[in-house]
PDB file of N, CA and C in Angstrom:
ATOM      1  N   UNK A   1      57.912  33.876  26.907  1.00  0.00           N
ATOM      2  CA  UNK A   1      59.163  33.466  27.516  1.00  0.00           C
ATOM      3  C   UNK A   1      59.735  32.255  26.799  1.00  0.00           C
ATOM      4  N   UNK A   2      58.876  31.295  26.462  1.00  0.00           N
ATOM      5  CA  UNK A   2      59.353  30.092  25.808  1.00  0.00           C
ATOM      6  C   UNK A   2      60.086  30.373  24.517  1.00  0.00           C
ATOM      7  N   UNK A   3      59.619  31.379  23.750  1.00  0.00           N
ATOM      8  CA  UNK A   3      60.282  31.732  22.505  1.00  0.00           C
ATOM      9  C   UNK A   3      61.702  32.201  22.731  1.00  0.00           C
ATOM     10  N   UNK A   4      61.915  32.939  23.820  1.00  0.00           N
ATOM     11  CA  UNK A   4      63.264  33.398  24.138  1.00  0.00           C
ATOM     12  C   UNK A   4      64.167  32.231  24.486  1.00  0.00           C
ATOM     13  N   UNK A   5      63.620  31.278  25.224  1.00  0.00           N
ATOM     14  CA  UNK A   5      64.412  30.106  25.588  1.00  0.00           C
ATOM     15  C   UNK A   5      64.765  29.322  24.334  1.00  0.00           C
ATOM     16  N   UNK A   6      63.791  29.143  23.440  1.00  0.00           N
ATOM     17  CA  UNK A   6      64.071  28.420  22.205  1.00  0.00           C
ATOM     18  C   UNK A   6      65.112  29.152  21.382  1.00  0.00           C
ATOM     19  N   UNK A   7      65.007  30.475  21.320  1.00  0.00           N
ATOM     20  CA  UNK A   7      65.980  31.245  20.554  1.00  0.00           C
ATOM     21  C   UNK A   7      67.362  31.101  21.160  1.00  0.00           C
ATOM     22  N   UNK A   8      67.443  31.119  22.474  1.00  0.00           N
ATOM     23  CA  UNK A   8      68.736  30.965  23.137  1.00  0.00           C
ATOM     24  C   UNK A   8      69.305  29.585  22.874  1.00  0.00           C
ATOM     25  N   UNK A   9      68.457  28.575  22.908  1.00  0.00           N
ATOM     26  CA  UNK A   9      68.927  27.216  22.657  1.00  0.00           C
ATOM     27  C   UNK A   9      69.383  27.065  21.214  1.00  0.00           C
ATOM     28  N   UNK A  10      68.644  27.664  20.295  1.00  0.00           N
ATOM     29  CA  UNK A  10      69.005  27.554  18.885  1.00  0.00           C
ATOM     30  C   UNK A  10      70.290  28.309  18.577  1.00  0.00           C
ATOM     31  N   UNK A  11      70.544  29.381  19.319  1.00  0.00           N
ATOM     32  CA  UNK A  11      71.706  30.205  19.038  1.00  0.00           C
ATOM     33  C   UNK A  11      73.000  29.626  19.580  1.00  0.00           C
ATOM     34  N   UNK A  12      72.901  28.739  20.555  1.00  0.00           N
ATOM     35  CA  UNK A  12      74.114  28.216  21.182  1.00  0.00           C
ATOM     36  C   UNK A  12      74.062  26.702  21.243  1.00  0.00           C
ATOM     37  N   UNK A  13      75.157  26.044  20.911  1.00  0.00           N
ATOM     38  CA  UNK A  13      75.185  24.597  21.052  1.00  0.00           C
ATOM     39  C   UNK A  13      75.129  24.217  22.516  1.00  0.00           C
ATOM     40  N   UNK A  14      74.830  22.943  22.792  1.00  0.00           N
ATOM     41  CA  UNK A  14      74.787  22.503  24.176  1.00  0.00           C
ATOM     42  C   UNK A  14      76.135  22.722  24.825  1.00  0.00           C
ATOM     43  N   UNK A  15      76.181  22.635  26.132  1.00  0.00           N
ATOM     44  CA  UNK A  15      77.374  23.019  26.868  1.00  0.00           C
ATOM     45  C   UNK A  15      78.600  22.173  26.552  1.00  0.00           C
ATOM     46  N   UNK A  16      78.475  21.144  25.772  1.00  0.00           N
ATOM     47  CA  UNK A  16      79.635  20.326  25.414  1.00  0.00           C
ATOM     48  C   UNK A  16      80.639  21.140  24.610  1.00  0.00           C
ATOM     49  N   UNK A  17      80.182  22.201  23.924  1.00  0.00           N
ATOM     50  CA  UNK A  17      81.128  23.159  23.419  1.00  0.00           C
ATOM     51  C   UNK A  17      81.378  23.252  21.936  1.00  0.00           C
ATOM     52  N   UNK A  18      80.819  22.419  21.099  1.00  0.00           N
ATOM     53  CA  UNK A  18      81.115  22.627  19.687  1.00  0.00           C
ATOM     54  C   UNK A  18      79.840  22.592  18.857  1.00  0.00           C
ATOM     55  N   UNK A  19      79.926  23.137  17.646  1.00  0.00           N
ATOM     56  CA  UNK A  19      78.780  23.217  16.760  1.00  0.00           C
ATOM     57  C   UNK A  19      78.251  21.868  16.332  1.00  0.00           C
ATOM     58  N   UNK A  20      79.084  20.852  16.416  1.00  0.00           N
ATOM     59  CA  UNK A  20      78.648  19.505  16.051  1.00  0.00           C
ATOM     60  C   UNK A  20      77.461  19.071  16.907  1.00  0.00           C
ATOM     61  N   UNK A  21      77.464  19.412  18.192  1.00  0.00           N
ATOM     62  CA  UNK A  21      76.363  19.046  19.082  1.00  0.00           C
ATOM     63  C   UNK A  21      75.060  19.689  18.618  1.00  0.00           C
ATOM     64  N   UNK A  22      75.140  20.949  18.233  1.00  0.00           N
ATOM     65  CA  UNK A  22      73.954  21.659  17.761  1.00  0.00           C
ATOM     66  C   UNK A  22      73.432  21.010  16.476  1.00  0.00           C
ATOM     67  N   UNK A  23      74.329  20.694  15.562  1.00  0.00           N
ATOM     68  CA  UNK A  23      73.934  20.047  14.310  1.00  0.00           C
ATOM     69  C   UNK A  23      73.309  18.682  14.572  1.00  0.00           C
ATOM     70  N   UNK A  24      73.888  17.936  15.491  1.00  0.00           N
ATOM     71  CA  UNK A  24      73.366  16.598  15.811  1.00  0.00           C
ATOM     72  C   UNK A  24      71.964  16.697  16.415  1.00  0.00           C
ATOM     73  N   UNK A  25      71.745  17.687  17.263  1.00  0.00           N
ATOM     74  CA  UNK A  25      70.420  17.882  17.857  1.00  0.00           C
ATOM     75  C   UNK A  25      69.403  18.233  16.773  1.00  0.00           C
ATOM     76  N   UNK A  26      69.788  19.083  15.836  1.00  0.00           N
ATOM     77  CA  UNK A  26      68.885  19.448  14.738  1.00  0.00           C
ATOM     78  C   UNK A  26      68.562  18.213  13.885  1.00  0.00           C
ATOM     79  N   UNK A  27      69.569  17.402  13.611  1.00  0.00           N
ATOM     80  CA  UNK A  27      69.355  16.173  12.837  1.00  0.00           C
ATOM     81  C   UNK A  27      68.422  15.222  13.577  1.00  0.00           C
ATOM     82  N   UNK A  28      68.599  15.127  14.893  1.00  0.00           N
ATOM     83  CA  UNK A  28      67.742  14.248  15.692  1.00  0.00           C
ATOM     84  C   UNK A  28      66.289  14.710  15.628  1.00  0.00           C
ATOM     85  N   UNK A  29      66.075  16.008  15.669  1.00  0.00           N
ATOM     86  CA  UNK A  29      64.724  16.548  15.567  1.00  0.00           C
ATOM     87  C   UNK A  29      64.135  16.244  14.196  1.00  0.00           C
ATOM     88  N   UNK A  30      64.900  16.498  13.149  1.00  0.00           N
ATOM     89  CA  UNK A  30      64.420  16.260  11.785  1.00  0.00           C
ATOM     90  C   UNK A  30      64.156  14.782  11.522  1.00  0.00           C
ATOM     91  N   UNK A  31      64.906  13.898  12.180  1.00  0.00           N
ATOM     92  CA  UNK A  31      64.729  12.455  12.005  1.00  0.00           C
ATOM     93  C   UNK A  31      63.634  11.893  12.909  1.00  0.00           C
ATOM     94  N   UNK A  32      63.046  12.747  13.739  1.00  0.00           N
ATOM     95  CA  UNK A  32      61.992  12.282  14.636  1.00  0.00           C
ATOM     96  C   UNK A  32      62.512  11.560  15.868  1.00  0.00           C
ATOM     97  N   UNK A  33      63.798  11.712  16.157  1.00  0.00           N
ATOM     98  CA  UNK A  33      64.383  11.060  17.330  1.00  0.00           C
ATOM     99  C   UNK A  33      64.055  11.799  18.616  1.00  0.00           C
ATOM    100  N   UNK A  34      63.756  13.100  18.519  1.00  0.00           N
ATOM    101  CA  UNK A  34      63.402  13.899  19.687  1.00  0.00           C
ATOM    102  C   UNK A  34      62.183  14.751  19.377  1.00  0.00           C
ATOM    103  N   UNK A  35      61.486  15.116  20.427  1.00  0.00           N
ATOM    104  CA  UNK A  35      60.355  16.026  20.294  1.00  0.00           C
ATOM    105  C   UNK A  35      60.865  17.460  20.172  1.00  0.00           C
ATOM    106  N   UNK A  36      60.086  18.321  19.547  1.00  0.00           N
ATOM    107  CA  UNK A  36      60.474  19.733  19.497  1.00  0.00           C
ATOM    108  C   UNK A  36      60.508  20.330  20.905  1.00  0.00           C
ATOM    109  N   UNK A  37      61.385  21.273  21.114  1.00  0.00           N
ATOM    110  CA  UNK A  37      61.481  21.947  22.403  1.00  0.00           C
ATOM    111  C   UNK A  37      60.139  22.549  22.801  1.00  0.00           C
ATOM    112  N   UNK A  38      59.399  23.088  21.853  1.00  0.00           N
ATOM    113  CA  UNK A  38      58.098  23.698  22.159  1.00  0.00           C
ATOM    114  C   UNK A  38      57.174  22.696  22.846  1.00  0.00           C
ATOM    115  N   UNK A  39      57.205  21.443  22.435  1.00  0.00           N
ATOM    116  CA  UNK A  39      56.372  20.409  23.057  1.00  0.00           C
ATOM    117  C   UNK A  39      56.750  20.229  24.518  1.00  0.00           C
ATOM    118  N   UNK A  40      58.046  20.191  24.790  1.00  0.00           N
ATOM    119  CA  UNK A  40      58.524  20.040  26.164  1.00  0.00           C
ATOM    120  C   UNK A  40      58.127  21.266  26.985  1.00  0.00           C
ATOM    121  N   UNK A  41      58.336  22.461  26.432  1.00  0.00           N
ATOM    122  CA  UNK A  41      58.009  23.681  27.168  1.00  0.00           C
ATOM    123  C   UNK A  41      56.513  23.799  27.444  1.00  0.00           C
ATOM    124  N   UNK A  42      55.673  23.333  26.521  1.00  0.00           N
ATOM    125  CA  UNK A  42      54.228  23.336  26.768  1.00  0.00           C
ATOM    126  C   UNK A  42      53.902  22.486  27.991  1.00  0.00           C
ATOM    127  N   UNK A  43      54.553  21.336  28.120  1.00  0.00           N
ATOM    128  CA  UNK A  43      54.319  20.461  29.275  1.00  0.00           C
ATOM    129  C   UNK A  43      54.816  21.103  30.560  1.00  0.00           C
ATOM    130  N   UNK A  44      55.970  21.742  30.477  1.00  0.00           N
ATOM    131  CA  UNK A  44      56.511  22.426  31.657  1.00  0.00           C
ATOM    132  C   UNK A  44      55.554  23.526  32.100  1.00  0.00           C
ATOM    133  N   UNK A  45      55.125  24.354  31.167  1.00  0.00           N
ATOM    134  CA  UNK A  45      54.241  25.473  31.503  1.00  0.00           C
ATOM    135  C   UNK A  45      52.911  24.988  32.063  1.00  0.00           C
ATOM    136  N   UNK A  46      52.421  23.862  31.586  1.00  0.00           N
ATOM    137  CA  UNK A  46      51.152  23.310  32.058  1.00  0.00           C
ATOM    138  C   UNK A  46      51.293  22.694  33.452  1.00  0.00           C
ATOM    139  N   UNK A  47      52.351  21.908  33.657  1.00  0.00           N
ATOM    140  CA  UNK A  47      52.472  21.118  34.882  1.00  0.00           C
ATOM    141  C   UNK A  47      53.336  21.759  35.968  1.00  0.00           C
ATOM    142  N   UNK A  48      54.203  22.678  35.589  1.00  0.00           N
ATOM    143  CA  UNK A  48      55.133  23.314  36.533  1.00  0.00           C
ATOM    144  C   UNK A  48      55.177  24.819  36.273  1.00  0.00           C
ATOM    145  N   UNK A  49      54.074  25.521  36.503  1.00  0.00           N
ATOM    146  CA  UNK A  49      54.063  26.949  36.198  1.00  0.00           C
ATOM    147  C   UNK A  49      55.140  27.696  36.984  1.00  0.00           C
ATOM    148  N   UNK A  50      55.741  28.638  36.313  1.00  0.00           N
ATOM    149  CA  UNK A  50      56.803  29.437  36.908  1.00  0.00           C
ATOM    150  C   UNK A  50      57.627  30.060  35.799  1.00  0.00           C
ATOM    151  N   UNK A  51      58.799  30.518  36.151  1.00  0.00           N
ATOM    152  CA  UNK A  51      59.691  31.165  35.179  1.00  0.00           C
ATOM    153  C   UNK A  51      60.760  30.173  34.740  1.00  0.00           C
ATOM    154  N   UNK A  52      60.814  29.888  33.456  1.00  0.00           N
ATOM    155  CA  UNK A  52      61.827  28.977  32.919  1.00  0.00           C
ATOM    156  C   UNK A  52      63.166  29.698  32.945  1.00  0.00           C
ATOM    157  N   UNK A  53      64.120  29.093  33.650  1.00  0.00           N
ATOM    158  CA  UNK A  53      65.417  29.728  33.854  1.00  0.00           C
ATOM    159  C   UNK A  53      66.490  29.200  32.902  1.00  0.00           C
ATOM    160  N   UNK A  54      66.400  27.923  32.569  1.00  0.00           N
ATOM    161  CA  UNK A  54      67.455  27.312  31.754  1.00  0.00           C
ATOM    162  C   UNK A  54      66.904  26.066  31.071  1.00  0.00           C
ATOM    163  N   UNK A  55      67.368  25.835  29.854  1.00  0.00           N
ATOM    164  CA  UNK A  55      67.015  24.628  29.105  1.00  0.00           C
ATOM    165  C   UNK A  55      68.284  24.069  28.490  1.00  0.00           C
ATOM    166  N   UNK A  56      68.479  22.776  28.642  1.00  0.00           N
ATOM    167  CA  UNK A  56      69.610  22.097  28.007  1.00  0.00           C
ATOM    168  C   UNK A  56      69.095  20.838  27.326  1.00  0.00           C
ATOM    169  N   UNK A  57      69.766  20.461  26.261  1.00  0.00           N
ATOM    170  CA  UNK A  57      69.500  19.193  25.594  1.00  0.00           C
ATOM    171  C   UNK A  57      70.806  18.427  25.583  1.00  0.00           C
ATOM    172  N   UNK A  58      70.789  17.258  26.202  1.00  0.00           N
ATOM    173  CA  UNK A  58      71.998  16.443  26.292  1.00  0.00           C
ATOM    174  C   UNK A  58      71.749  15.088  25.658  1.00  0.00           C
ATOM    175  N   UNK A  59      72.798  14.537  25.102  1.00  0.00           N
ATOM    176  CA  UNK A  59      72.723  13.178  24.583  1.00  0.00           C
ATOM    177  C   UNK A  59      73.598  12.297  25.457  1.00  0.00           C
ATOM    178  N   UNK A  60      72.982  11.256  26.013  1.00  0.00           N
ATOM    179  CA  UNK A  60      73.706  10.291  26.832  1.00  0.00           C
ATOM    180  C   UNK A  60      73.536   8.934  26.161  1.00  0.00           C
ATOM    181  N   UNK A  61      74.588   8.498  25.492  1.00  0.00           N
ATOM    182  CA  UNK A  61      74.476   7.282  24.690  1.00  0.00           C
ATOM    183  C   UNK A  61      73.532   7.548  23.538  1.00  0.00           C
ATOM    184  N   UNK A  62      72.534   6.717  23.400  1.00  0.00           N
ATOM    185  CA  UNK A  62      71.532   6.894  22.342  1.00  0.00           C
ATOM    186  C   UNK A  62      70.339   7.713  22.815  1.00  0.00           C
ATOM    187  N   UNK A  63      70.307   8.080  24.086  1.00  0.00           N
ATOM    188  CA  UNK A  63      69.158   8.773  24.670  1.00  0.00           C
ATOM    189  C   UNK A  63      69.397  10.285  24.718  1.00  0.00           C
ATOM    190  N   UNK A  64      68.363  11.019  24.313  1.00  0.00           N
ATOM    191  CA  UNK A  64      68.368  12.478  24.406  1.00  0.00           C
ATOM    192  C   UNK A  64      67.559  12.880  25.630  1.00  0.00           C
ATOM    193  N   UNK A  65      68.072  13.860  26.379  1.00  0.00           N
ATOM    194  CA  UNK A  65      67.416  14.308  27.603  1.00  0.00           C
ATOM    195  C   UNK A  65      67.325  15.832  27.598  1.00  0.00           C
ATOM    196  N   UNK A  66      66.100  16.323  27.756  1.00  0.00           N
ATOM    197  CA  UNK A  66      65.894  17.752  27.965  1.00  0.00           C
ATOM    198  C   UNK A  66      65.953  17.999  29.471  1.00  0.00           C
ATOM    199  N   UNK A  67      66.775  18.956  29.895  1.00  0.00           N
ATOM    200  CA  UNK A  67      66.815  19.383  31.290  1.00  0.00           C
ATOM    201  C   UNK A  67      66.294  20.813  31.341  1.00  0.00           C
ATOM    202  N   UNK A  68      65.300  21.027  32.185  1.00  0.00           N
ATOM    203  CA  UNK A  68      64.662  22.337  32.287  1.00  0.00           C
ATOM    204  C   UNK A  68      64.660  22.760  33.754  1.00  0.00           C
ATOM    205  N   UNK A  69      65.129  23.979  34.011  1.00  0.00           N
ATOM    206  CA  UNK A  69      65.079  24.536  35.364  1.00  0.00           C
ATOM    207  C   UNK A  69      63.994  25.602  35.392  1.00  0.00           C
ATOM    208  N   UNK A  70      63.103  25.478  36.382  1.00  0.00           N
ATOM    209  CA  UNK A  70      61.971  26.391  36.520  1.00  0.00           C
ATOM    210  C   UNK A  70      61.991  26.996  37.919  1.00  0.00           C
ATOM    211  N   UNK A  71      61.892  28.315  37.993  1.00  0.00           N
ATOM    212  CA  UNK A  71      61.767  29.000  39.274  1.00  0.00           C
ATOM    213  C   UNK A  71      60.286  29.149  39.556  1.00  0.00           C
ATOM    214  N   UNK A  72      59.830  28.448  40.582  1.00  0.00           N
ATOM    215  CA  UNK A  72      58.409  28.454  40.922  1.00  0.00           C
ATOM    216  C   UNK A  72      58.117  29.499  41.985  1.00  0.00           C
ATOM    217  N   UNK A  73      56.846  29.740  42.196  1.00  0.00           N
ATOM    218  CA  UNK A  73      56.417  30.690  43.208  1.00  0.00           C
ATOM    219  C   UNK A  73      57.025  30.325  44.556  1.00  0.00           C
ATOM    220  N   UNK A  74      57.449  31.318  45.287  1.00  0.00           N
ATOM    221  CA  UNK A  74      58.038  31.067  46.593  1.00  0.00           C
ATOM    222  C   UNK A  74      59.528  30.802  46.544  1.00  0.00           C
ATOM    223  N   UNK A  75      60.134  30.925  45.367  1.00  0.00           N
ATOM    224  CA  UNK A  75      61.579  30.769  45.250  1.00  0.00           C
ATOM    225  C   UNK A  75      62.077  29.346  45.132  1.00  0.00           C
ATOM    226  N   UNK A  76      61.205  28.407  44.842  1.00  0.00           N
ATOM    227  CA  UNK A  76      61.615  27.014  44.688  1.00  0.00           C
ATOM    228  C   UNK A  76      62.105  26.795  43.259  1.00  0.00           C
ATOM    229  N   UNK A  77      63.334  26.312  43.129  1.00  0.00           N
ATOM    230  CA  UNK A  77      63.905  26.002  41.823  1.00  0.00           C
ATOM    231  C   UNK A  77      63.710  24.515  41.556  1.00  0.00           C
ATOM    232  N   UNK A  78      63.024  24.196  40.474  1.00  0.00           N
ATOM    233  CA  UNK A  78      62.747  22.806  40.115  1.00  0.00           C
ATOM    234  C   UNK A  78      63.577  22.447  38.893  1.00  0.00           C
ATOM    235  N   UNK A  79      64.297  21.334  38.974  1.00  0.00           N
ATOM    236  CA  UNK A  79      65.062  20.819  37.835  1.00  0.00           C
ATOM    237  C   UNK A  79      64.330  19.582  37.328  1.00  0.00           C
ATOM    238  N   UNK A  80      63.929  19.636  36.072  1.00  0.00           N
ATOM    239  CA  UNK A  80      63.161  18.562  35.446  1.00  0.00           C
ATOM    240  C   UNK A  80      63.985  17.913  34.353  1.00  0.00           C
ATOM    241  N   UNK A  81      63.846  16.599  34.228  1.00  0.00           N
ATOM    242  CA  UNK A  81      64.480  15.872  33.131  1.00  0.00           C
ATOM    243  C   UNK A  81      63.389  15.157  32.354  1.00  0.00           C
ATOM    244  N   UNK A  82      63.404  15.382  31.029  1.00  0.00           N
ATOM    245  CA  UNK A  82      62.418  14.782  30.140  1.00  0.00           C
ATOM    246  C   UNK A  82      63.115  13.895  29.123  1.00  0.00           C
ATOM    247  N   UNK A  83      62.541  12.736  28.854  1.00  0.00           N
ATOM    248  CA  UNK A  83      63.017  11.889  27.769  1.00  0.00           C
ATOM    249  C   UNK A  83      62.757  12.640  26.466  1.00  0.00           C
ATOM    250  N   UNK A  84      63.790  12.851  25.684  1.00  0.00           N
ATOM    251  CA  UNK A  84      63.664  13.629  24.460  1.00  0.00           C
ATOM    252  C   UNK A  84      62.766  12.999  23.415  1.00  0.00           C
ATOM    253  N   UNK A  85      62.667  11.681  23.409  1.00  0.00           N
ATOM    254  CA  UNK A  85      61.851  10.990  22.414  1.00  0.00           C
ATOM    255  C   UNK A  85      60.371  10.980  22.792  1.00  0.00           C
ATOM    256  N   UNK A  86      60.074  10.712  24.082  1.00  0.00           N
ATOM    257  CA  UNK A  86      58.684  10.539  24.507  1.00  0.00           C
ATOM    258  C   UNK A  86      58.096  11.757  25.205  1.00  0.00           C
ATOM    259  N   UNK A  87      58.961  12.595  25.768  1.00  0.00           N
ATOM    260  CA  UNK A  87      58.485  13.724  26.551  1.00  0.00           C
ATOM    261  C   UNK A  87      58.104  13.364  27.973  1.00  0.00           C
ATOM    262  N   UNK A  88      58.302  12.097  28.352  1.00  0.00           N
ATOM    263  CA  UNK A  88      57.980  11.679  29.711  1.00  0.00           C
ATOM    264  C   UNK A  88      58.980  12.259  30.704  1.00  0.00           C
ATOM    265  N   UNK A  89      58.483  12.615  31.892  1.00  0.00           N
ATOM    266  CA  UNK A  89      59.357  13.111  32.950  1.00  0.00           C
ATOM    267  C   UNK A  89      60.182  11.941  33.474  1.00  0.00           C
ATOM    268  N   UNK A  90      61.497  12.116  33.462  1.00  0.00           N
ATOM    269  CA  UNK A  90      62.413  11.083  33.954  1.00  0.00           C
ATOM    270  C   UNK A  90      62.810  11.356  35.400  1.00  0.00           C
ATOM    271  N   UNK A  91      62.712  12.600  35.794  1.00  0.00           N
ATOM    272  CA  UNK A  91      63.085  12.958  37.152  1.00  0.00           C
ATOM    273  C   UNK A  91      62.779  14.410  37.423  1.00  0.00           C
ATOM    274  N   UNK A  92      62.584  14.710  38.695  1.00  0.00           N
ATOM    275  CA  UNK A  92      62.331  16.083  39.123  1.00  0.00           C
ATOM    276  C   UNK A  92      62.920  16.254  40.510  1.00  0.00           C
ATOM    277  N   UNK A  93      63.595  17.356  40.694  1.00  0.00           N
ATOM    278  CA  UNK A  93      64.141  17.676  42.008  1.00  0.00           C
ATOM    279  C   UNK A  93      63.947  19.151  42.258  1.00  0.00           C
ATOM    280  N   UNK A  94      63.860  19.516  43.521  1.00  0.00           N
ATOM    281  CA  UNK A  94      63.675  20.931  43.815  1.00  0.00           C
ATOM    282  C   UNK A  94      64.607  21.385  44.915  1.00  0.00           C
ATOM    283  N   UNK A  95      64.866  22.681  44.863  1.00  0.00           N
ATOM    284  CA  UNK A  95      65.736  23.308  45.849  1.00  0.00           C
ATOM    285  C   UNK A  95      65.095  24.629  46.245  1.00  0.00           C
ATOM    286  N   UNK A  96      65.022  24.865  47.533  1.00  0.00           N
ATOM    287  CA  UNK A  96      64.464  26.109  48.039  1.00  0.00           C
ATOM    288  C   UNK A  96      65.601  26.919  48.619  1.00  0.00           C
ATOM    289  N   UNK A  97      65.910  28.043  47.987  1.00  0.00           N
ATOM    290  CA  UNK A  97      67.038  28.867  48.417  1.00  0.00           C
ATOM    291  C   UNK A  97      66.671  29.865  49.506  1.00  0.00           C
ATOM    292  N   UNK A  98      65.457  29.822  49.995  1.00  0.00           N
ATOM    293  CA  UNK A  98      65.058  30.777  51.046  1.00  0.00           C
ATOM    294  C   UNK A  98      65.478  30.284  52.396  1.00  0.00           C
TER     295      UNK A  98
END
């Protein structure tokens, strides 16, 4: 599943809408400013097992943030935010649609 998410992320720029965002994210990865998506997904799969529904990479000022939505057992949707440089969890929230 993670490979599909990575492929989807690589195929489309972030929701800001232009190819410049995608290029900037690639440059940040190559410069060591952010961790590879695979590293983040490994942490998600280890600590928050479930189905990965969405992945976004956003830049806010100088900080890169990975946002990952995971559908967990029982229908709980968890939204996680990871610091792009360190991989540390910055926040987690959940919603139960049942």
